[in-house]
Amino acid sequence: MSTKEHVHPFRVYMEDVDAQGIVYYANYLRFFERGRSEFLETLGVPMARAADPDCRLVIYEIRVKYRRPALLGDMIEVVTSVERPSDYRLTFHQRVRRRGETEPLVGGEVDIVAIGSDGAVRELPSFFDAI
């Protein structure tokens, strides 16, 4: 696993919560996406480059464990690290925590693969060689 971690902080807004003021479970996937996107930018992989029609990055599998809820108004952080278990897959390790805390509210792993214009899995682009 990459030793580098990226931390993306933000506040929980009304659009993120359900009627009880608790972050709606599916929104954690959006939070993970923000964390991955920001992390890739720091590695020099802009999202526009990741949308190349000849080599699209797509989600292959997601595993999520919900431990405690984030609430309306909370300052939270998405902490992201990445590993490259093969030439065909990246695994992002992500967790959401309240700012100033170490225990995760939600944790997950997201596997990303590259597909060509024919939809078949292909090797990851060379800009991921450093991972």
Protein backbone atom coordinates (compact mmCIF):
# COMPACT_ATOMS: atom_id res chain seq x y z
CA MET A 1 0.00 0.00 0.00
CA SER A 2 1.17 3.51 -0.71
CA THR A 3 2.46 5.17 2.44
CA LYS A 4 1.03 8.48 1.27
CA GLU A 5 -2.35 9.48 2.62
CA HIS A 6 -4.51 12.30 1.40
CA VAL A 7 -6.96 14.08 3.71
CA HIS A 8 -9.92 15.92 2.17
CA PRO A 9 -11.90 17.96 4.76
CA PHE A 10 -15.42 19.34 4.37
CA ARG A 11 -18.61 20.09 6.28
CA VAL A 12 -21.76 17.94 6.23
CA TYR A 13 -24.57 19.99 4.64
CA MET A 14 -28.34 19.61 4.55
CA GLU A 15 -28.08 17.97 1.11
CA ASP A 16 -26.03 15.15 2.67
CA VAL A 17 -28.44 14.08 5.42
CA ASP A 18 -31.77 12.32 5.81
CA ALA A 19 -34.79 13.57 7.78
CA GLN A 20 -33.06 12.62 11.05
CA GLY A 21 -30.01 14.81 10.36
CA ILE A 22 -27.81 11.74 9.79
CA VAL A 23 -25.68 11.41 6.65
CA TYR A 24 -27.63 9.23 4.22
CA TYR A 25 -25.66 5.99 3.76
CA ALA A 26 -25.25 6.28 -0.02
CA ASN A 27 -23.67 9.72 0.33
CA TYR A 28 -20.55 8.14 1.79
CA LEU A 29 -19.87 6.80 -1.71
CA ARG A 30 -19.96 10.41 -2.95
CA PHE A 31 -17.57 11.39 -0.16
CA PHE A 32 -15.25 8.54 -1.16
CA GLU A 33 -15.37 9.77 -4.78
CA ARG A 34 -14.37 13.27 -3.69
CA GLY A 35 -11.48 11.85 -1.69
CA ARG A 36 -10.24 9.68 -4.57
CA SER A 37 -10.52 12.53 -7.07
CA GLU A 38 -8.61 14.95 -4.87
CA PHE A 39 -5.97 12.31 -4.11
CA LEU A 40 -5.43 11.56 -7.81
CA GLU A 41 -5.04 15.29 -8.49
CA THR A 42 -2.22 15.43 -5.92
CA LEU A 43 -0.54 12.55 -7.78
CA GLY A 44 -0.75 14.50 -11.04
CA VAL A 45 -3.69 12.57 -12.51
CA PRO A 46 -6.38 15.14 -13.37
CA MET A 47 -9.91 13.75 -13.63
CA ALA A 48 -10.18 14.91 -17.26
CA ARG A 49 -7.28 12.60 -18.11
CA ALA A 50 -9.00 9.73 -16.33
CA ALA A 51 -12.01 10.16 -18.66
CA ASP A 52 -10.10 9.23 -21.84
CA PRO A 53 -12.55 7.25 -24.04
CA ASP A 54 -9.82 4.73 -24.93
CA CYS A 55 -9.05 4.10 -21.27
CA ARG A 56 -11.81 4.78 -18.79
CA LEU A 57 -11.36 4.21 -15.07
CA VAL A 58 -14.38 2.43 -13.61
CA ILE A 59 -15.35 1.01 -10.25
CA TYR A 60 -15.02 -2.75 -10.12
CA GLU A 61 -15.97 -3.40 -6.48
CA ILE A 62 -16.80 -1.44 -3.33
CA ARG A 63 -16.72 -2.70 0.25
CA VAL A 64 -18.10 -0.41 2.97
CA LYS A 65 -18.44 -0.77 6.74
CA TYR A 66 -20.63 1.72 8.60
CA ARG A 67 -19.64 2.18 12.24
CA ARG A 68 -21.09 5.49 13.47
CA PRO A 69 -23.05 8.24 11.74
CA ALA A 70 -21.85 11.67 10.72
CA LEU A 71 -24.36 14.42 11.51
CA LEU A 72 -25.54 17.65 9.95
CA GLY A 73 -22.90 20.34 10.52
CA ASP A 74 -20.06 17.93 11.36
CA MET A 75 -16.62 18.76 10.01
CA ILE A 76 -15.43 15.50 8.51
CA GLU A 77 -12.44 14.25 6.55
CA VAL A 78 -12.05 11.58 3.91
CA VAL A 79 -8.66 9.91 4.35
CA THR A 80 -7.47 8.09 1.24
CA SER A 81 -4.50 5.87 0.42
CA VAL A 82 -3.97 3.60 -2.55
CA GLU A 83 -2.23 0.38 -3.51
CA ARG A 84 -1.74 -1.31 -6.85
CA PRO A 85 -2.23 -5.07 -6.36
CA SER A 86 -1.83 -5.77 -10.09
CA ASP A 87 -1.24 -4.07 -13.44
CA TYR A 88 -5.01 -4.04 -13.89
CA ARG A 89 -6.37 -2.77 -10.58
CA LEU A 90 -6.00 0.00 -8.02
CA THR A 91 -7.42 -0.40 -4.52
CA PHE A 92 -8.26 2.78 -2.64
CA HIS A 93 -8.47 2.45 1.14
CA GLN A 94 -10.75 5.15 2.48
CA ARG A 95 -12.24 6.21 5.76
CA VAL A 96 -14.44 9.06 6.91
CA ARG A 97 -13.79 10.52 10.33
CA ARG A 98 -14.72 13.63 12.26
CA ARG A 99 -12.02 16.27 12.09
CA GLY A 100 -9.73 15.92 15.10
CA GLU A 101 -10.66 12.27 15.69
CA THR A 102 -8.82 9.14 14.63
CA GLU A 103 -11.62 6.55 14.80
CA PRO A 104 -13.42 6.12 11.48
CA LEU A 105 -17.15 6.66 11.17
CA VAL A 106 -17.17 4.72 7.91
CA GLY A 107 -14.43 2.72 6.22
CA GLY A 108 -14.19 1.19 2.81
CA GLU A 109 -12.18 -0.11 -0.07
CA VAL A 110 -12.82 0.78 -3.69
CA ASP A 111 -11.30 -1.24 -6.54
CA ILE A 112 -10.80 0.61 -9.82
CA VAL A 113 -9.96 -0.96 -13.18
CA ALA A 114 -9.32 0.51 -16.62
CA ILE A 115 -11.45 -0.46 -19.60
CA GLY A 116 -10.86 0.23 -23.27
CA SER A 117 -13.38 1.57 -25.79
CA ASP A 118 -14.55 -2.04 -26.30
CA GLY A 119 -15.43 -2.34 -22.59
CA ALA A 120 -12.73 -4.95 -21.90
CA VAL A 121 -10.41 -4.63 -18.91
CA ARG A 122 -6.95 -3.41 -19.89
CA GLU A 123 -3.71 -2.53 -18.15
CA LEU A 124 -3.74 0.65 -16.13
CA PRO A 125 -2.33 3.69 -17.95
CA SER A 126 1.34 4.54 -17.47
CA PHE A 127 0.51 7.57 -15.31
CA PHE A 128 -0.20 5.07 -12.51
CA ASP A 129 3.27 3.48 -12.71
CA ALA A 130 4.44 5.38 -9.62
CA ILE A 131 1.80 3.69 -7.46
